[in-house]
mmCIF file of all heavy atoms, coordinates in Angstrom:
data_MODEL
# 
_entry.id   MODEL 
# 
loop_
_atom_site.group_PDB 
_atom_site.id 
_atom_site.type_symbol 
_atom_site.label_atom_id 
_atom_site.label_alt_id 
_atom_site.label_comp_id 
_atom_site.label_asym_id 
_atom_site.label_entity_id 
_atom_site.label_seq_id 
_atom_site.pdbx_PDB_ins_code 
_atom_site.Cartn_x 
_atom_site.Cartn_y 
_atom_site.Cartn_z 
_atom_site.occupancy 
_atom_site.B_iso_or_equiv 
_atom_site.pdbx_formal_charge 
_atom_site.auth_seq_id 
_atom_site.auth_comp_id 
_atom_site.auth_asym_id 
_atom_site.auth_atom_id 
_atom_site.pdbx_PDB_model_num 
ATOM 1   N N   . PHE A 1 1  ? -20.226 -51.182 -9.194  1.00 0.00 ? 1  PHE A N   1 
ATOM 2   C CA  . PHE A 1 1  ? -20.040 -49.742 -9.302  1.00 0.00 ? 1  PHE A CA  1 
ATOM 3   C C   . PHE A 1 1  ? -20.726 -49.074 -7.995  1.00 0.00 ? 1  PHE A C   1 
ATOM 4   O O   . PHE A 1 1  ? -21.893 -49.364 -7.730  1.00 0.00 ? 1  PHE A O   1 
ATOM 5   C CB  . PHE A 1 1  ? -20.601 -49.100 -10.527 1.00 0.00 ? 1  PHE A CB  1 
ATOM 6   C CG  . PHE A 1 1  ? -19.953 -49.624 -11.787 1.00 0.00 ? 1  PHE A CG  1 
ATOM 7   C CD1 . PHE A 1 1  ? -20.453 -50.691 -12.428 1.00 0.00 ? 1  PHE A CD1 1 
ATOM 8   C CD2 . PHE A 1 1  ? -18.846 -49.010 -12.296 1.00 0.00 ? 1  PHE A CD2 1 
ATOM 9   C CE1 . PHE A 1 1  ? -19.897 -51.266 -13.603 1.00 0.00 ? 1  PHE A CE1 1 
ATOM 10  C CE2 . PHE A 1 1  ? -18.228 -49.555 -13.456 1.00 0.00 ? 1  PHE A CE2 1 
ATOM 11  C CZ  . PHE A 1 1  ? -18.735 -50.588 -14.124 1.00 0.00 ? 1  PHE A CZ  1 
ATOM 12  N N   . PHE A 1 2  ? -20.005 -48.239 -7.279  1.00 0.00 ? 2  PHE A N   1 
ATOM 13  C CA  . PHE A 1 2  ? -20.503 -47.585 -6.147  1.00 0.00 ? 2  PHE A CA  1 
ATOM 14  C C   . PHE A 1 2  ? -20.409 -46.025 -6.258  1.00 0.00 ? 2  PHE A C   1 
ATOM 15  O O   . PHE A 1 2  ? -19.396 -45.548 -6.634  1.00 0.00 ? 2  PHE A O   1 
ATOM 16  C CB  . PHE A 1 2  ? -19.740 -48.004 -4.846  1.00 0.00 ? 2  PHE A CB  1 
ATOM 17  C CG  . PHE A 1 2  ? -19.894 -49.459 -4.533  1.00 0.00 ? 2  PHE A CG  1 
ATOM 18  C CD1 . PHE A 1 2  ? -18.936 -50.388 -5.055  1.00 0.00 ? 2  PHE A CD1 1 
ATOM 19  C CD2 . PHE A 1 2  ? -20.923 -49.948 -3.805  1.00 0.00 ? 2  PHE A CD2 1 
ATOM 20  C CE1 . PHE A 1 2  ? -19.036 -51.711 -4.818  1.00 0.00 ? 2  PHE A CE1 1 
ATOM 21  C CE2 . PHE A 1 2  ? -21.004 -51.287 -3.521  1.00 0.00 ? 2  PHE A CE2 1 
ATOM 22  C CZ  . PHE A 1 2  ? -20.091 -52.163 -4.046  1.00 0.00 ? 2  PHE A CZ  1 
ATOM 23  N N   . THR A 1 3  ? -21.560 -45.361 -5.985  1.00 0.00 ? 3  THR A N   1 
ATOM 24  C CA  . THR A 1 3  ? -21.583 -43.917 -6.152  1.00 0.00 ? 3  THR A CA  1 
ATOM 25  C C   . THR A 1 3  ? -21.079 -43.238 -4.893  1.00 0.00 ? 3  THR A C   1 
ATOM 26  O O   . THR A 1 3  ? -21.078 -43.801 -3.761  1.00 0.00 ? 3  THR A O   1 
ATOM 27  C CB  . THR A 1 3  ? -23.000 -43.458 -6.438  1.00 0.00 ? 3  THR A CB  1 
ATOM 28  O OG1 . THR A 1 3  ? -23.893 -43.865 -5.410  1.00 0.00 ? 3  THR A OG1 1 
ATOM 29  C CG2 . THR A 1 3  ? -23.393 -44.008 -7.840  1.00 0.00 ? 3  THR A CG2 1 
ATOM 30  N N   . SER A 1 4  ? -20.586 -41.967 -5.020  1.00 0.00 ? 4  SER A N   1 
ATOM 31  C CA  . SER A 1 4  ? -20.080 -41.304 -3.805  1.00 0.00 ? 4  SER A CA  1 
ATOM 32  C C   . SER A 1 4  ? -21.137 -41.074 -2.667  1.00 0.00 ? 4  SER A C   1 
ATOM 33  O O   . SER A 1 4  ? -20.758 -41.036 -1.552  1.00 0.00 ? 4  SER A O   1 
ATOM 34  C CB  . SER A 1 4  ? -19.504 -39.921 -4.218  1.00 0.00 ? 4  SER A CB  1 
ATOM 35  O OG  . SER A 1 4  ? -20.507 -39.225 -4.924  1.00 0.00 ? 4  SER A OG  1 
ATOM 36  N N   . ASP A 1 5  ? -22.383 -40.889 -3.085  1.00 0.00 ? 5  ASP A N   1 
ATOM 37  C CA  . ASP A 1 5  ? -23.398 -40.662 -2.094  1.00 0.00 ? 5  ASP A CA  1 
ATOM 38  C C   . ASP A 1 5  ? -24.316 -41.899 -1.850  1.00 0.00 ? 5  ASP A C   1 
ATOM 39  O O   . ASP A 1 5  ? -25.405 -41.736 -1.178  1.00 0.00 ? 5  ASP A O   1 
ATOM 40  C CB  . ASP A 1 5  ? -24.332 -39.505 -2.487  1.00 0.00 ? 5  ASP A CB  1 
ATOM 41  C CG  . ASP A 1 5  ? -24.856 -39.671 -3.974  1.00 0.00 ? 5  ASP A CG  1 
ATOM 42  O OD1 . ASP A 1 5  ? -24.584 -40.761 -4.600  1.00 0.00 ? 5  ASP A OD1 1 
ATOM 43  O OD2 . ASP A 1 5  ? -25.542 -38.736 -4.480  1.00 0.00 ? 5  ASP A OD2 1 
ATOM 44  N N   . SER A 1 6  ? -23.883 -43.036 -2.460  1.00 0.00 ? 6  SER A N   1 
ATOM 45  C CA  . SER A 1 6  ? -24.678 -44.291 -2.200  1.00 0.00 ? 6  SER A CA  1 
ATOM 46  C C   . SER A 1 6  ? -26.089 -44.210 -2.764  1.00 0.00 ? 6  SER A C   1 
ATOM 47  O O   . SER A 1 6  ? -26.972 -44.910 -2.286  1.00 0.00 ? 6  SER A O   1 
ATOM 48  C CB  . SER A 1 6  ? -24.677 -44.738 -0.707  1.00 0.00 ? 6  SER A CB  1 
ATOM 49  O OG  . SER A 1 6  ? -23.372 -44.900 -0.236  1.00 0.00 ? 6  SER A OG  1 
ATOM 50  N N   . ALA A 1 7  ? -26.285 -43.417 -3.722  1.00 0.00 ? 7  ALA A N   1 
ATOM 51  C CA  . ALA A 1 7  ? -27.612 -43.186 -4.317  1.00 0.00 ? 7  ALA A CA  1 
ATOM 52  C C   . ALA A 1 7  ? -27.589 -43.463 -5.794  1.00 0.00 ? 7  ALA A C   1 
ATOM 53  O O   . ALA A 1 7  ? -26.460 -43.556 -6.409  1.00 0.00 ? 7  ALA A O   1 
ATOM 54  C CB  . ALA A 1 7  ? -28.110 -41.764 -4.092  1.00 0.00 ? 7  ALA A CB  1 
ATOM 55  N N   . ASP A 1 8  ? -28.709 -43.721 -6.422  1.00 0.00 ? 8  ASP A N   1 
ATOM 56  C CA  . ASP A 1 8  ? -28.739 -44.039 -7.868  1.00 0.00 ? 8  ASP A CA  1 
ATOM 57  C C   . ASP A 1 8  ? -28.860 -42.677 -8.638  1.00 0.00 ? 8  ASP A C   1 
ATOM 58  O O   . ASP A 1 8  ? -29.456 -41.689 -8.107  1.00 0.00 ? 8  ASP A O   1 
ATOM 59  C CB  . ASP A 1 8  ? -29.946 -44.821 -8.198  1.00 0.00 ? 8  ASP A CB  1 
ATOM 60  C CG  . ASP A 1 8  ? -29.939 -46.231 -7.511  1.00 0.00 ? 8  ASP A CG  1 
ATOM 61  O OD1 . ASP A 1 8  ? -28.863 -46.654 -7.201  1.00 0.00 ? 8  ASP A OD1 1 
ATOM 62  O OD2 . ASP A 1 8  ? -31.008 -46.842 -7.329  1.00 0.00 ? 8  ASP A OD2 1 
ATOM 63  N N   . HIS A 1 9  ? -28.301 -42.617 -9.821  1.00 0.00 ? 9  HIS A N   1 
ATOM 64  C CA  . HIS A 1 9  ? -28.321 -41.417 -10.612 1.00 0.00 ? 9  HIS A CA  1 
ATOM 65  C C   . HIS A 1 9  ? -28.700 -41.672 -11.957 1.00 0.00 ? 9  HIS A C   1 
ATOM 66  O O   . HIS A 1 9  ? -28.343 -42.710 -12.614 1.00 0.00 ? 9  HIS A O   1 
ATOM 67  C CB  . HIS A 1 9  ? -26.842 -40.794 -10.606 1.00 0.00 ? 9  HIS A CB  1 
ATOM 68  C CG  . HIS A 1 9  ? -26.419 -40.269 -9.275  1.00 0.00 ? 9  HIS A CG  1 
ATOM 69  N ND1 . HIS A 1 9  ? -26.436 -38.887 -8.996  1.00 0.00 ? 9  HIS A ND1 1 
ATOM 70  C CD2 . HIS A 1 9  ? -25.959 -40.901 -8.183  1.00 0.00 ? 9  HIS A CD2 1 
ATOM 71  C CE1 . HIS A 1 9  ? -25.943 -38.759 -7.793  1.00 0.00 ? 9  HIS A CE1 1 
ATOM 72  N NE2 . HIS A 1 9  ? -25.641 -39.956 -7.235  1.00 0.00 ? 9  HIS A NE2 1 
ATOM 73  N N   . SER A 1 10 ? -29.596 -40.776 -12.491 1.00 0.00 ? 10 SER A N   1 
ATOM 74  C CA  . SER A 1 10 ? -30.047 -40.877 -13.881 1.00 0.00 ? 10 SER A CA  1 
ATOM 75  C C   . SER A 1 10 ? -29.955 -39.576 -14.687 1.00 0.00 ? 10 SER A C   1 
ATOM 76  O O   . SER A 1 10 ? -29.531 -39.577 -15.803 1.00 0.00 ? 10 SER A O   1 
ATOM 77  C CB  . SER A 1 10 ? -31.477 -41.316 -13.901 1.00 0.00 ? 10 SER A CB  1 
ATOM 78  O OG  . SER A 1 10 ? -32.342 -40.409 -13.175 1.00 0.00 ? 10 SER A OG  1 
ATOM 79  N N   . THR A 1 11 ? -30.283 -38.488 -14.024 1.00 0.00 ? 11 THR A N   1 
ATOM 80  C CA  . THR A 1 11 ? -30.211 -37.166 -14.802 1.00 0.00 ? 11 THR A CA  1 
ATOM 81  C C   . THR A 1 11 ? -29.050 -36.309 -14.333 1.00 0.00 ? 11 THR A C   1 
ATOM 82  O O   . THR A 1 11 ? -28.839 -35.116 -14.785 1.00 0.00 ? 11 THR A O   1 
ATOM 83  C CB  . THR A 1 11 ? -31.509 -36.365 -14.670 1.00 0.00 ? 11 THR A CB  1 
ATOM 84  O OG1 . THR A 1 11 ? -31.766 -36.167 -13.232 1.00 0.00 ? 11 THR A OG1 1 
ATOM 85  C CG2 . THR A 1 11 ? -32.582 -37.160 -15.253 1.00 0.00 ? 11 THR A CG2 1 
ATOM 86  N N   . ASN A 1 12 ? -28.304 -36.746 -13.359 1.00 0.00 ? 12 ASN A N   1 
ATOM 87  C CA  . ASN A 1 12 ? -27.108 -36.007 -12.827 1.00 0.00 ? 12 ASN A CA  1 
ATOM 88  C C   . ASN A 1 12 ? -26.034 -37.029 -12.493 1.00 0.00 ? 12 ASN A C   1 
ATOM 89  O O   . ASN A 1 12 ? -26.317 -38.282 -12.252 1.00 0.00 ? 12 ASN A O   1 
ATOM 90  C CB  . ASN A 1 12 ? -27.440 -35.086 -11.637 1.00 0.00 ? 12 ASN A CB  1 
ATOM 91  C CG  . ASN A 1 12 ? -27.907 -35.920 -10.421 1.00 0.00 ? 12 ASN A CG  1 
ATOM 92  O OD1 . ASN A 1 12 ? -28.499 -36.990 -10.577 1.00 0.00 ? 12 ASN A OD1 1 
ATOM 93  N ND2 . ASN A 1 12 ? -27.616 -35.354 -9.263  1.00 0.00 ? 12 ASN A ND2 1 
ATOM 94  N N   . LEU A 1 13 ? -24.818 -36.570 -12.308 1.00 0.00 ? 13 LEU A N   1 
ATOM 95  C CA  . LEU A 1 13 ? -23.691 -37.466 -12.056 1.00 0.00 ? 13 LEU A CA  1 
ATOM 96  C C   . LEU A 1 13 ? -23.267 -37.346 -10.610 1.00 0.00 ? 13 LEU A C   1 
ATOM 97  O O   . LEU A 1 13 ? -23.406 -36.280 -9.929  1.00 0.00 ? 13 LEU A O   1 
ATOM 98  C CB  . LEU A 1 13 ? -22.538 -37.091 -12.954 1.00 0.00 ? 13 LEU A CB  1 
ATOM 99  C CG  . LEU A 1 13 ? -22.693 -37.248 -14.387 1.00 0.00 ? 13 LEU A CG  1 
ATOM 100 C CD1 . LEU A 1 13 ? -21.512 -36.680 -15.183 1.00 0.00 ? 13 LEU A CD1 1 
ATOM 101 C CD2 . LEU A 1 13 ? -22.903 -38.730 -14.812 1.00 0.00 ? 13 LEU A CD2 1 
ATOM 102 N N   . PRO A 1 14 ? -22.831 -38.446 -9.964  1.00 0.00 ? 14 PRO A N   1 
ATOM 103 C CA  . PRO A 1 14 ? -22.360 -38.372 -8.631  1.00 0.00 ? 14 PRO A CA  1 
ATOM 104 C C   . PRO A 1 14 ? -20.970 -37.654 -8.591  1.00 0.00 ? 14 PRO A C   1 
ATOM 105 O O   . PRO A 1 14 ? -20.336 -37.500 -9.613  1.00 0.00 ? 14 PRO A O   1 
ATOM 106 C CB  . PRO A 1 14 ? -22.258 -39.833 -8.205  1.00 0.00 ? 14 PRO A CB  1 
ATOM 107 C CG  . PRO A 1 14 ? -22.017 -40.525 -9.506  1.00 0.00 ? 14 PRO A CG  1 
ATOM 108 C CD  . PRO A 1 14 ? -22.786 -39.787 -10.483 1.00 0.00 ? 14 PRO A CD  1 
ATOM 109 N N   . SER A 1 15 ? -20.513 -37.340 -7.427  1.00 0.00 ? 15 SER A N   1 
ATOM 110 C CA  . SER A 1 15 ? -19.176 -36.768 -7.429  1.00 0.00 ? 15 SER A CA  1 
ATOM 111 C C   . SER A 1 15 ? -18.040 -37.654 -7.931  1.00 0.00 ? 15 SER A C   1 
ATOM 112 O O   . SER A 1 15 ? -17.163 -37.213 -8.625  1.00 0.00 ? 15 SER A O   1 
ATOM 113 C CB  . SER A 1 15 ? -18.846 -36.313 -5.909  1.00 0.00 ? 15 SER A CB  1 
ATOM 114 O OG  . SER A 1 15 ? -19.783 -35.387 -5.435  1.00 0.00 ? 15 SER A OG  1 
ATOM 115 N N   . TYR A 1 16 ? -18.138 -38.891 -7.543  1.00 0.00 ? 16 TYR A N   1 
ATOM 116 C CA  . TYR A 1 16 ? -17.184 -39.893 -8.139  1.00 0.00 ? 16 TYR A CA  1 
ATOM 117 C C   . TYR A 1 16 ? -17.941 -41.160 -8.080  1.00 0.00 ? 16 TYR A C   1 
ATOM 118 O O   . TYR A 1 16 ? -18.949 -41.476 -7.343  1.00 0.00 ? 16 TYR A O   1 
ATOM 119 C CB  . TYR A 1 16 ? -15.912 -39.897 -7.405  1.00 0.00 ? 16 TYR A CB  1 
ATOM 120 C CG  . TYR A 1 16 ? -16.011 -40.362 -5.923  1.00 0.00 ? 16 TYR A CG  1 
ATOM 121 C CD1 . TYR A 1 16 ? -15.939 -41.716 -5.534  1.00 0.00 ? 16 TYR A CD1 1 
ATOM 122 C CD2 . TYR A 1 16 ? -16.100 -39.435 -4.857  1.00 0.00 ? 16 TYR A CD2 1 
ATOM 123 C CE1 . TYR A 1 16 ? -15.995 -42.114 -4.280  1.00 0.00 ? 16 TYR A CE1 1 
ATOM 124 C CE2 . TYR A 1 16 ? -16.180 -39.829 -3.642  1.00 0.00 ? 16 TYR A CE2 1 
ATOM 125 C CZ  . TYR A 1 16 ? -16.061 -41.217 -3.292  1.00 0.00 ? 16 TYR A CZ  1 
ATOM 126 O OH  . TYR A 1 16 ? -16.170 -41.593 -1.971  1.00 0.00 ? 16 TYR A OH  1 
ATOM 127 N N   . VAL A 1 17 ? -17.349 -42.167 -8.823  1.00 0.00 ? 17 VAL A N   1 
ATOM 128 C CA  . VAL A 1 17 ? -17.841 -43.534 -8.880  1.00 0.00 ? 17 VAL A CA  1 
ATOM 129 C C   . VAL A 1 17 ? -16.756 -44.475 -8.549  1.00 0.00 ? 17 VAL A C   1 
ATOM 130 O O   . VAL A 1 17 ? -15.622 -44.333 -9.125  1.00 0.00 ? 17 VAL A O   1 
ATOM 131 C CB  . VAL A 1 17 ? -18.503 -43.942 -10.278 1.00 0.00 ? 17 VAL A CB  1 
ATOM 132 C CG1 . VAL A 1 17 ? -18.821 -45.383 -10.254 1.00 0.00 ? 17 VAL A CG1 1 
ATOM 133 C CG2 . VAL A 1 17 ? -19.610 -43.052 -10.510 1.00 0.00 ? 17 VAL A CG2 1 
ATOM 134 N N   . GLU A 1 18 ? -16.864 -45.396 -7.643  1.00 0.00 ? 18 GLU A N   1 
ATOM 135 C CA  . GLU A 1 18 ? -15.849 -46.300 -7.282  1.00 0.00 ? 18 GLU A CA  1 
ATOM 136 C C   . GLU A 1 18 ? -16.097 -47.609 -8.116  1.00 0.00 ? 18 GLU A C   1 
ATOM 137 O O   . GLU A 1 18 ? -17.194 -48.131 -8.037  1.00 0.00 ? 18 GLU A O   1 
ATOM 138 C CB  . GLU A 1 18 ? -15.879 -46.662 -5.794  1.00 0.00 ? 18 GLU A CB  1 
ATOM 139 C CG  . GLU A 1 18 ? -14.804 -47.598 -5.246  1.00 0.00 ? 18 GLU A CG  1 
ATOM 140 C CD  . GLU A 1 18 ? -14.915 -47.894 -3.826  1.00 0.00 ? 18 GLU A CD  1 
ATOM 141 O OE1 . GLU A 1 18 ? -14.666 -46.953 -2.970  1.00 0.00 ? 18 GLU A OE1 1 
ATOM 142 O OE2 . GLU A 1 18 ? -15.289 -48.997 -3.485  1.00 0.00 ? 18 GLU A OE2 1 
ATOM 143 N N   . ILE A 1 19 ? -15.027 -48.050 -8.801  1.00 0.00 ? 19 ILE A N   1 
ATOM 144 C CA  . ILE A 1 19 ? -15.111 -49.263 -9.519  1.00 0.00 ? 19 ILE A CA  1 
ATOM 145 C C   . ILE A 1 19 ? -14.427 -50.438 -8.785  1.00 0.00 ? 19 ILE A C   1 
ATOM 146 O O   . ILE A 1 19 ? -13.317 -50.282 -8.418  1.00 0.00 ? 19 ILE A O   1 
ATOM 147 C CB  . ILE A 1 19 ? -14.444 -49.051 -10.892 1.00 0.00 ? 19 ILE A CB  1 
ATOM 148 C CG1 . ILE A 1 19 ? -15.035 -47.924 -11.609 1.00 0.00 ? 19 ILE A CG1 1 
ATOM 149 C CG2 . ILE A 1 19 ? -14.615 -50.337 -11.767 1.00 0.00 ? 19 ILE A CG2 1 
ATOM 150 C CD1 . ILE A 1 19 ? -14.301 -47.543 -12.846 1.00 0.00 ? 19 ILE A CD1 1 
ATOM 151 N N   . LYS A 1 20 ? -15.188 -51.488 -8.602  1.00 0.00 ? 20 LYS A N   1 
ATOM 152 C CA  . LYS A 1 20 ? -14.584 -52.658 -7.757  1.00 0.00 ? 20 LYS A CA  1 
ATOM 153 C C   . LYS A 1 20 ? -14.596 -53.874 -8.720  1.00 0.00 ? 20 LYS A C   1 
ATOM 154 O O   . LYS A 1 20 ? -15.637 -54.276 -9.294  1.00 0.00 ? 20 LYS A O   1 
ATOM 155 C CB  . LYS A 1 20 ? -15.467 -52.943 -6.593  1.00 0.00 ? 20 LYS A CB  1 
ATOM 156 C CG  . LYS A 1 20 ? -14.918 -54.025 -5.732  1.00 0.00 ? 20 LYS A CG  1 
ATOM 157 C CD  . LYS A 1 20 ? -15.816 -54.198 -4.520  1.00 0.00 ? 20 LYS A CD  1 
ATOM 158 C CE  . LYS A 1 20 ? -15.275 -55.370 -3.636  1.00 0.00 ? 20 LYS A CE  1 
ATOM 159 N NZ  . LYS A 1 20 ? -16.136 -55.513 -2.412  1.00 0.00 ? 20 LYS A NZ  1 
ATOM 160 N N   . LEU A 1 21 ? -13.388 -54.448 -8.871  1.00 0.00 ? 21 LEU A N   1 
ATOM 161 C CA  . LEU A 1 21 ? -13.255 -55.660 -9.593  1.00 0.00 ? 21 LEU A CA  1 
ATOM 162 C C   . LEU A 1 21 ? -12.668 -56.801 -8.718  1.00 0.00 ? 21 LEU A C   1 
ATOM 163 O O   . LEU A 1 21 ? -11.817 -56.593 -7.850  1.00 0.00 ? 21 LEU A O   1 
ATOM 164 C CB  . LEU A 1 21 ? -12.174 -55.484 -10.771 1.00 0.00 ? 21 LEU A CB  1 
ATOM 165 C CG  . LEU A 1 21 ? -12.618 -54.522 -11.936 1.00 0.00 ? 21 LEU A CG  1 
ATOM 166 C CD1 . LEU A 1 21 ? -11.491 -54.437 -12.974 1.00 0.00 ? 21 LEU A CD1 1 
ATOM 167 C CD2 . LEU A 1 21 ? -13.887 -55.010 -12.557 1.00 0.00 ? 21 LEU A CD2 1 
ATOM 168 N N   . LYS A 1 22 ? -13.145 -58.033 -9.018  1.00 0.00 ? 22 LYS A N   1 
ATOM 169 C CA  . LYS A 1 22 ? -12.613 -59.200 -8.367  1.00 0.00 ? 22 LYS A CA  1 
ATOM 170 C C   . LYS A 1 22 ? -12.395 -60.235 -9.323  1.00 0.00 ? 22 LYS A C   1 
ATOM 171 O O   . LYS A 1 22 ? -13.279 -60.682 -10.009 1.00 0.00 ? 22 LYS A O   1 
ATOM 172 C CB  . LYS A 1 22 ? -13.621 -59.780 -7.262  1.00 0.00 ? 22 LYS A CB  1 
ATOM 173 C CG  . LYS A 1 22 ? -13.802 -58.867 -6.093  1.00 0.00 ? 22 LYS A CG  1 
ATOM 174 C CD  . LYS A 1 22 ? -14.468 -59.587 -4.886  1.00 0.00 ? 22 LYS A CD  1 
ATOM 175 C CE  . LYS A 1 22 ? -15.888 -60.097 -5.284  1.00 0.00 ? 22 LYS A CE  1 
ATOM 176 N NZ  . LYS A 1 22 ? -16.498 -60.726 -4.150  1.00 0.00 ? 22 LYS A NZ  1 
ATOM 177 N N   . MET A 1 23 ? -11.028 -60.596 -9.448  1.00 0.00 ? 23 MET A N   1 
ATOM 178 C CA  . MET A 1 23 ? -10.696 -61.607 -10.472 1.00 0.00 ? 23 MET A CA  1 
ATOM 179 C C   . MET A 1 23 ? -10.107 -62.806 -9.814  1.00 0.00 ? 23 MET A C   1 
ATOM 180 O O   . MET A 1 23 ? -9.401  -62.549 -8.794  1.00 0.00 ? 23 MET A O   1 
ATOM 181 C CB  . MET A 1 23 ? -9.686  -61.005 -11.478 1.00 0.00 ? 23 MET A CB  1 
ATOM 182 C CG  . MET A 1 23 ? -10.228 -59.697 -12.149 1.00 0.00 ? 23 MET A CG  1 
ATOM 183 S SD  . MET A 1 23 ? -9.095  -58.986 -13.342 1.00 0.00 ? 23 MET A SD  1 
ATOM 184 C CE  . MET A 1 23 ? -9.321  -60.082 -14.682 1.00 0.00 ? 23 MET A CE  1 
ATOM 185 N N   . LYS A 1 24 ? -10.255 -63.980 -10.358 1.00 0.00 ? 24 LYS A N   1 
ATOM 186 C CA  . LYS A 1 24 ? -9.942  -65.159 -9.616  1.00 0.00 ? 24 LYS A CA  1 
ATOM 187 C C   . LYS A 1 24 ? -8.791  -65.898 -10.268 1.00 0.00 ? 24 LYS A C   1 
ATOM 188 O O   . LYS A 1 24 ? -8.646  -65.867 -11.448 1.00 0.00 ? 24 LYS A O   1 
ATOM 189 C CB  . LYS A 1 24 ? -11.125 -66.095 -9.460  1.00 0.00 ? 24 LYS A CB  1 
ATOM 190 C CG  . LYS A 1 24 ? -11.747 -66.471 -10.798 1.00 0.00 ? 24 LYS A CG  1 
ATOM 191 C CD  . LYS A 1 24 ? -12.955 -67.343 -10.514 1.00 0.00 ? 24 LYS A CD  1 
ATOM 192 C CE  . LYS A 1 24 ? -13.605 -67.857 -11.894 1.00 0.00 ? 24 LYS A CE  1 
ATOM 193 N NZ  . LYS A 1 24 ? -14.792 -68.669 -11.636 1.00 0.00 ? 24 LYS A NZ  1 
# 
């Protein structure tokens, strides 16, 4: 999971979250 600002979040949400999957 990658956040929009490349930072960690605990009490607020990032603008968006990129979900990355790799299946073999």
